[in-house]
PDB file of all heavy atoms in Angstrom:
ATOM      1  N   PHE A   1      99.211  92.074  92.960  1.00  0.00           N
ATOM      2  CA  PHE A   1     100.051  92.301  94.142  1.00  0.00           C
ATOM      3  C   PHE A   1      99.355  91.829  95.415  1.00  0.00           C
ATOM      4  O   PHE A   1     100.010  91.320  96.332  1.00  0.00           O
ATOM      5  CB  PHE A   1     100.469  93.767  94.258  1.00  0.00           C
ATOM      6  CG  PHE A   1     101.707  94.081  93.485  1.00  0.00           C
ATOM      7  CD1 PHE A   1     101.646  94.825  92.322  1.00  0.00           C
ATOM      8  CD2 PHE A   1     102.944  93.624  93.906  1.00  0.00           C
ATOM      9  CE1 PHE A   1     102.796  95.108  91.591  1.00  0.00           C
ATOM     10  CE2 PHE A   1     104.106  93.894  93.186  1.00  0.00           C
ATOM     11  CZ  PHE A   1     104.024  94.644  92.022  1.00  0.00           C
ATOM     12  N   GLN A   2      98.023  91.975  95.479  1.00  0.00           N
ATOM     13  CA  GLN A   2      97.307  91.487  96.656  1.00  0.00           C
ATOM     14  C   GLN A   2      97.436  89.977  96.764  1.00  0.00           C
ATOM     15  O   GLN A   2      97.602  89.439  97.861  1.00  0.00           O
ATOM     16  CB  GLN A   2      95.835  91.900  96.606  1.00  0.00           C
ATOM     17  CG  GLN A   2      95.094  91.626  97.903  1.00  0.00           C
ATOM     18  CD  GLN A   2      95.705  92.361  99.091  1.00  0.00           C
ATOM     19  OE1 GLN A   2      95.880  93.573  99.053  1.00  0.00           O
ATOM     20  NE2 GLN A   2      96.044  91.623 100.154  1.00  0.00           N
ATOM     21  N   GLU A   3      97.373  89.308  95.625  1.00  0.00           N
ATOM     22  CA  GLU A   3      97.578  87.858  95.624  1.00  0.00           C
ATOM     23  C   GLU A   3      98.978  87.520  96.152  1.00  0.00           C
ATOM     24  O   GLU A   3      99.143  86.585  96.944  1.00  0.00           O
ATOM     25  CB  GLU A   3      97.390  87.306  94.206  1.00  0.00           C
ATOM     26  CG  GLU A   3      97.495  85.806  94.105  1.00  0.00           C
ATOM     27  CD  GLU A   3      97.304  85.270  92.694  1.00  0.00           C
ATOM     28  OE1 GLU A   3      96.709  85.960  91.832  1.00  0.00           O
ATOM     29  OE2 GLU A   3      97.766  84.133  92.439  1.00  0.00           O
ATOM     30  N   ALA A   4      99.981  88.297  95.730  1.00  0.00           N
ATOM     31  CA  ALA A   4     101.356  88.066  96.202  1.00  0.00           C
ATOM     32  C   ALA A   4     101.458  88.320  97.707  1.00  0.00           C
ATOM     33  O   ALA A   4     102.145  87.568  98.423  1.00  0.00           O
ATOM     34  CB  ALA A   4     102.330  88.961  95.430  1.00  0.00           C
ATOM     35  N   ILE A   5     100.771  89.353  98.194  1.00  0.00           N
ATOM     36  CA  ILE A   5     100.779  89.643  99.633  1.00  0.00           C
ATOM     37  C   ILE A   5     100.086  88.520 100.395  1.00  0.00           C
ATOM     38  O   ILE A   5     100.597  88.014 101.401  1.00  0.00           O
ATOM     39  CB  ILE A   5     100.103  91.010  99.905  1.00  0.00           C
ATOM     40  CG1 ILE A   5     100.983  92.151  99.384  1.00  0.00           C
ATOM     41  CG2 ILE A   5      99.817  91.190 101.394  1.00  0.00           C
ATOM     42  CD1 ILE A   5     100.302  93.512  99.351  1.00  0.00           C
ATOM     43  N   ASP A   6      98.908  88.126  99.911  1.00  0.00           N
ATOM     44  CA  ASP A   6      98.144  87.052 100.571  1.00  0.00           C
ATOM     45  C   ASP A   6      98.916  85.739 100.609  1.00  0.00           C
ATOM     46  O   ASP A   6      98.794  84.975 101.575  1.00  0.00           O
ATOM     47  CB  ASP A   6      96.800  86.834  99.872  1.00  0.00           C
ATOM     48  CG  ASP A   6      95.853  88.016 100.030  1.00  0.00           C
ATOM     49  OD1 ASP A   6      96.102  88.889 100.896  1.00  0.00           O
ATOM     50  OD2 ASP A   6      94.865  88.084  99.257  1.00  0.00           O
ATOM     51  N   ASN A   7      99.711  85.488  99.586  1.00  0.00           N
ATOM     52  CA  ASN A   7     100.513  84.254  99.529  1.00  0.00           C
ATOM     53  C   ASN A   7     101.826  84.364 100.299  1.00  0.00           C
ATOM     54  O   ASN A   7     102.603  83.410 100.329  1.00  0.00           O
ATOM     55  CB  ASN A   7     100.836  83.893  98.075  1.00  0.00           C
ATOM     56  CG  ASN A   7      99.625  83.502  97.272  1.00  0.00           C
ATOM     57  OD1 ASN A   7      98.553  83.265  97.818  1.00  0.00           O
ATOM     58  ND2 ASN A   7      99.772  83.445  95.960  1.00  0.00           N
ATOM     59  N   GLY A   8     102.098  85.547 100.868  1.00  0.00           N
ATOM     60  CA  GLY A   8     103.342  85.740 101.602  1.00  0.00           C
ATOM     61  C   GLY A   8     104.558  85.822 100.703  1.00  0.00           C
ATOM     62  O   GLY A   8     105.672  85.515 101.123  1.00  0.00           O
ATOM     63  N   GLU A   9     104.349  86.241  99.460  1.00  0.00           N
ATOM     64  CA  GLU A   9     105.455  86.296  98.499  1.00  0.00           C
ATOM     65  C   GLU A   9     106.222  87.614  98.529  1.00  0.00           C
ATOM     66  O   GLU A   9     107.374  87.664  98.091  1.00  0.00           O
ATOM     67  CB  GLU A   9     104.925  86.071  97.077  1.00  0.00           C
ATOM     68  CG  GLU A   9     104.335  84.695  96.854  1.00  0.00           C
ATOM     69  CD  GLU A   9     103.760  84.551  95.456  1.00  0.00           C
ATOM     70  OE1 GLU A   9     104.412  84.985  94.486  1.00  0.00           O
ATOM     71  OE2 GLU A   9     102.647  84.007  95.333  1.00  0.00           O
ATOM     72  N   VAL A  10     105.592  88.687  98.977  1.00  0.00           N
ATOM     73  CA  VAL A  10     106.248  90.002  99.001  1.00  0.00           C
ATOM     74  C   VAL A  10     106.071  90.646 100.375  1.00  0.00           C
ATOM     75  O   VAL A  10     105.146  90.307 101.121  1.00  0.00           O
ATOM     76  CB  VAL A  10     105.689  90.951  97.910  1.00  0.00           C
ATOM     77  CG1 VAL A  10     105.976  90.430  96.517  1.00  0.00           C
ATOM     78  CG2 VAL A  10     104.214  91.219  98.099  1.00  0.00           C
ATOM     79  N   ILE A  11     106.970  91.559 100.685  1.00  0.00           N
ATOM     80  CA  ILE A  11     106.879  92.275 101.953  1.00  0.00           C
ATOM     81  C   ILE A  11     105.590  93.103 101.976  1.00  0.00           C
ATOM     82  O   ILE A  11     105.070  93.489 100.932  1.00  0.00           O
ATOM     83  CB  ILE A  11     108.105  93.198 102.174  1.00  0.00           C
ATOM     84  CG1 ILE A  11     108.245  94.214 101.032  1.00  0.00           C
ATOM     85  CG2 ILE A  11     109.378  92.399 102.350  1.00  0.00           C
ATOM     86  CD1 ILE A  11     109.313  95.251 101.260  1.00  0.00           C
ATOM     87  N   THR A  12     105.113  93.361 103.162  1.00  0.00           N
ATOM     88  CA  THR A  12     103.815  94.029 103.279  1.00  0.00           C
ATOM     89  C   THR A  12     103.917  95.434 103.870  1.00  0.00           C
ATOM     90  O   THR A  12     102.991  95.919 104.493  1.00  0.00           O
ATOM     91  CB  THR A  12     102.854  93.173 104.123  1.00  0.00           C
ATOM     92  OG1 THR A  12     103.458  92.921 105.402  1.00  0.00           O
ATOM     93  CG2 THR A  12     102.517  91.881 103.432  1.00  0.00           C
ATOM     94  N   ARG A  13     105.027  96.084 103.660  1.00  0.00           N
ATOM     95  CA  ARG A  13     105.155  97.466 104.122  1.00  0.00           C
ATOM     96  C   ARG A  13     104.319  98.418 103.273  1.00  0.00           C
ATOM     97  O   ARG A  13     104.036  99.534 103.670  1.00  0.00           O
ATOM     98  CB  ARG A  13     106.618  97.909 104.072  1.00  0.00           C
ATOM     99  CG  ARG A  13     107.456  97.300 105.134  1.00  0.00           C
ATOM    100  CD  ARG A  13     108.826  97.962 105.192  1.00  0.00           C
ATOM    101  NE  ARG A  13     109.737  96.994 105.774  1.00  0.00           N
ATOM    102  CZ  ARG A  13     110.794  96.497 105.156  1.00  0.00           C
ATOM    103  NH1 ARG A  13     111.097  96.892 103.957  1.00  0.00           N
ATOM    104  NH2 ARG A  13     111.549  95.621 105.758  1.00  0.00           N
ATOM    105  N   PHE A  14     103.973  97.963 102.086  1.00  0.00           N
ATOM    106  CA  PHE A  14     103.198  98.777 101.160  1.00  0.00           C
ATOM    107  C   PHE A  14     101.897  98.070 100.824  1.00  0.00           C
ATOM    108  O   PHE A  14     101.821  96.850 100.837  1.00  0.00           O
ATOM    109  CB  PHE A  14     103.990  99.022  99.866  1.00  0.00           C
ATOM    110  CG  PHE A  14     105.319  99.662 100.089  1.00  0.00           C
ATOM    111  CD1 PHE A  14     106.477  98.900 100.105  1.00  0.00           C
ATOM    112  CD2 PHE A  14     105.415 101.030 100.297  1.00  0.00           C
ATOM    113  CE1 PHE A  14     107.715  99.486 100.316  1.00  0.00           C
ATOM    114  CE2 PHE A  14     106.653 101.618 100.516  1.00  0.00           C
ATOM    115  CZ  PHE A  14     107.804 100.855 100.532  1.00  0.00           C
ATOM    116  N   SER A  15     100.887  98.846 100.472  1.00  0.00           N
ATOM    117  CA  SER A  15      99.623  98.246 100.048  1.00  0.00           C
ATOM    118  C   SER A  15      99.769  97.719  98.625  1.00  0.00           C
ATOM    119  O   SER A  15     100.695  98.097  97.894  1.00  0.00           O
ATOM    120  CB  SER A  15      98.494  99.282 100.107  1.00  0.00           C
ATOM    121  OG  SER A  15      98.662 100.236  99.075  1.00  0.00           O
ATOM    122  N   SER A  16      98.850  96.872  98.236  1.00  0.00           N
ATOM    123  CA  SER A  16      98.877  96.346  96.870  1.00  0.00           C
ATOM    124  C   SER A  16      98.715  97.479  95.853  1.00  0.00           C
ATOM    125  O   SER A  16      99.316  97.445  94.776  1.00  0.00           O
ATOM    126  CB  SER A  16      97.790  95.287  96.688  1.00  0.00           C
ATOM    127  OG  SER A  16      96.513  95.839  96.931  1.00  0.00           O
ATOM    128  N   GLU A  17      97.939  98.501  96.217  1.00  0.00           N
ATOM    129  CA  GLU A  17      97.747  99.652  95.324  1.00  0.00           C
ATOM    130  C   GLU A  17      99.050 100.434  95.154  1.00  0.00           C
ATOM    131  O   GLU A  17      99.397 100.840  94.048  1.00  0.00           O
ATOM    132  CB  GLU A  17      96.651 100.590  95.853  1.00  0.00           C
ATOM    133  CG  GLU A  17      95.258 100.026  95.779  1.00  0.00           C
ATOM    134  CD  GLU A  17      94.915  99.082  96.951  1.00  0.00           C
ATOM    135  OE1 GLU A  17      95.696  98.996  97.934  1.00  0.00           O
ATOM    136  OE2 GLU A  17      93.881  98.408  96.852  1.00  0.00           O
ATOM    137  N   GLN A  18      99.782 100.625  96.263  1.00  0.00           N
ATOM    138  CA  GLN A  18     101.058 101.337  96.182  1.00  0.00           C
ATOM    139  C   GLN A  18     102.066 100.570  95.339  1.00  0.00           C
ATOM    140  O   GLN A  18     102.797 101.164  94.538  1.00  0.00           O
ATOM    141  CB  GLN A  18     101.625 101.570  97.590  1.00  0.00           C
ATOM    142  CG  GLN A  18     100.848 102.582  98.403  1.00  0.00           C
ATOM    143  CD  GLN A  18     101.308 102.627  99.849  1.00  0.00           C
ATOM    144  OE1 GLN A  18     101.561 101.585 100.465  1.00  0.00           O
ATOM    145  NE2 GLN A  18     101.415 103.830 100.390  1.00  0.00           N
ATOM    146  N   LEU A  19     102.097  99.264  95.488  1.00  0.00           N
ATOM    147  CA  LEU A  19     103.017  98.442  94.700  1.00  0.00           C
ATOM    148  C   LEU A  19     102.652  98.502  93.216  1.00  0.00           C
ATOM    149  O   LEU A  19     103.523  98.650  92.355  1.00  0.00           O
ATOM    150  CB  LEU A  19     103.006  97.001  95.207  1.00  0.00           C
ATOM    151  CG  LEU A  19     103.580  96.797  96.613  1.00  0.00           C
ATOM    152  CD1 LEU A  19     103.278  95.393  97.119  1.00  0.00           C
ATOM    153  CD2 LEU A  19     105.068  97.083  96.654  1.00  0.00           C
ATOM    154  N   GLY A  20     101.362  98.416  92.921  1.00  0.00           N
ATOM    155  CA  GLY A  20     100.910  98.518  91.530  1.00  0.00           C
ATOM    156  C   GLY A  20     101.236  99.862  90.920  1.00  0.00           C
ATOM    157  O   GLY A  20     101.674  99.961  89.769  1.00  0.00           O
ATOM    158  N   ASP A  21     101.020 100.936  91.709  1.00  0.00           N
ATOM    159  CA  ASP A  21     101.331 102.280  91.215  1.00  0.00           C
ATOM    160  C   ASP A  21     102.821 102.442  90.938  1.00  0.00           C
ATOM    161  O   ASP A  21     103.218 103.136  89.995  1.00  0.00           O
ATOM    162  CB  ASP A  21     100.874 103.353  92.215  1.00  0.00           C
ATOM    163  CG  ASP A  21      99.367 103.552  92.223  1.00  0.00           C
ATOM    164  OD1 ASP A  21      98.685 103.052  91.300  1.00  0.00           O
ATOM    165  OD2 ASP A  21      98.864 104.215  93.157  1.00  0.00           O
ATOM    166  N   THR A  22     103.653 101.795  91.752  1.00  0.00           N
ATOM    167  CA  THR A  22     105.103 101.855  91.534  1.00  0.00           C
ATOM    168  C   THR A  22     105.458 101.245  90.184  1.00  0.00           C
ATOM    169  O   THR A  22     106.243 101.818  89.416  1.00  0.00           O
ATOM    170  CB  THR A  22     105.851 101.137  92.675  1.00  0.00           C
ATOM    171  OG1 THR A  22     105.513 101.778  93.911  1.00  0.00           O
ATOM    172  CG2 THR A  22     107.356 101.177  92.466  1.00  0.00           C
ATOM    173  N   VAL A  23     104.861 100.108  89.871  1.00  0.00           N
ATOM    174  CA  VAL A  23     105.125  99.458  88.583  1.00  0.00           C
ATOM    175  C   VAL A  23     104.604 100.332  87.442  1.00  0.00           C
ATOM    176  O   VAL A  23     105.282 100.505  86.424  1.00  0.00           O
ATOM    177  CB  VAL A  23     104.519  98.043  88.538  1.00  0.00           C
ATOM    178  CG1 VAL A  23     104.588  97.462  87.140  1.00  0.00           C
ATOM    179  CG2 VAL A  23     105.250  97.135  89.515  1.00  0.00           C
ATOM    180  N   GLN A  24     103.406 100.900  87.608  1.00  0.00           N
ATOM    181  CA  GLN A  24     102.864 101.803  86.578  1.00  0.00           C
ATOM    182  C   GLN A  24     103.809 102.979  86.347  1.00  0.00           C
ATOM    183  O   GLN A  24     104.021 103.404  85.217  1.00  0.00           O
ATOM    184  CB  GLN A  24     101.484 102.327  86.983  1.00  0.00           C
ATOM    185  CG  GLN A  24     100.383 101.307  86.879  1.00  0.00           C
ATOM    186  CD  GLN A  24      99.925 101.108  85.454  1.00  0.00           C
ATOM    187  OE1 GLN A  24     100.675 100.631  84.605  1.00  0.00           O
ATOM    188  NE2 GLN A  24      98.696 101.455  85.190  1.00  0.00           N
ATOM    189  N   GLY A  25     104.384 103.476  87.432  1.00  0.00           N
ATOM    190  CA  GLY A  25     105.355 104.575  87.315  1.00  0.00           C
ATOM    191  C   GLY A  25     106.582 104.163  86.525  1.00  0.00           C
ATOM    192  O   GLY A  25     107.098 104.922  85.695  1.00  0.00           O
ATOM    193  N   MET A  26     107.057 102.944  86.767  1.00  0.00           N
ATOM    194  CA  MET A  26     108.214 102.443  86.017  1.00  0.00           C
ATOM    195  C   MET A  26     107.895 102.381  84.526  1.00  0.00           C
ATOM    196  O   MET A  26     108.727 102.751  83.688  1.00  0.00           O
ATOM    197  CB  MET A  26     108.623 101.050  86.517  1.00  0.00           C
ATOM    198  CG  MET A  26     109.266 101.028  87.869  1.00  0.00           C
ATOM    199  SD  MET A  26     109.732  99.312  88.273  1.00  0.00           S
ATOM    200  CE  MET A  26     109.673  99.371  90.042  1.00  0.00           C
ATOM    201  N   ILE A  27     106.715 101.896  84.207  1.00  0.00           N
ATOM    202  CA  ILE A  27     106.317 101.797  82.803  1.00  0.00           C
ATOM    203  C   ILE A  27     106.281 103.185  82.164  1.00  0.00           C
ATOM    204  O   ILE A  27     106.780 103.380  81.051  1.00  0.00           O
ATOM    205  CB  ILE A  27     104.949 101.093  82.666  1.00  0.00           C
ATOM    206  CG1 ILE A  27     105.062  99.639  83.129  1.00  0.00           C
ATOM    207  CG2 ILE A  27     104.440 101.157  81.229  1.00  0.00           C
ATOM    208  CD1 ILE A  27     103.730  98.931  83.293  1.00  0.00           C
ATOM    209  N   MET A  28     105.734 104.165  82.885  1.00  0.00           N
ATOM    210  CA  MET A  28     105.672 105.537  82.362  1.00  0.00           C
ATOM    211  C   MET A  28     107.079 106.105  82.142  1.00  0.00           C
ATOM    212  O   MET A  28     107.355 106.707  81.109  1.00  0.00           O
ATOM    213  CB  MET A  28     104.894 106.444  83.329  1.00  0.00           C
ATOM    214  CG  MET A  28     103.428 106.128  83.457  1.00  0.00           C
ATOM    215  SD  MET A  28     102.460 106.686  82.057  1.00  0.00           S
ATOM    216  CE  MET A  28     102.428 108.426  82.341  1.00  0.00           C
TER     217      MET A  28
END
């Protein structure tokens, strides 16, 4: 997600950790 943020691919209202945790939550 940090790579996506650095490349300007995703909005930056959330940190890369928050975005990753969201995906982990979906998997759970």
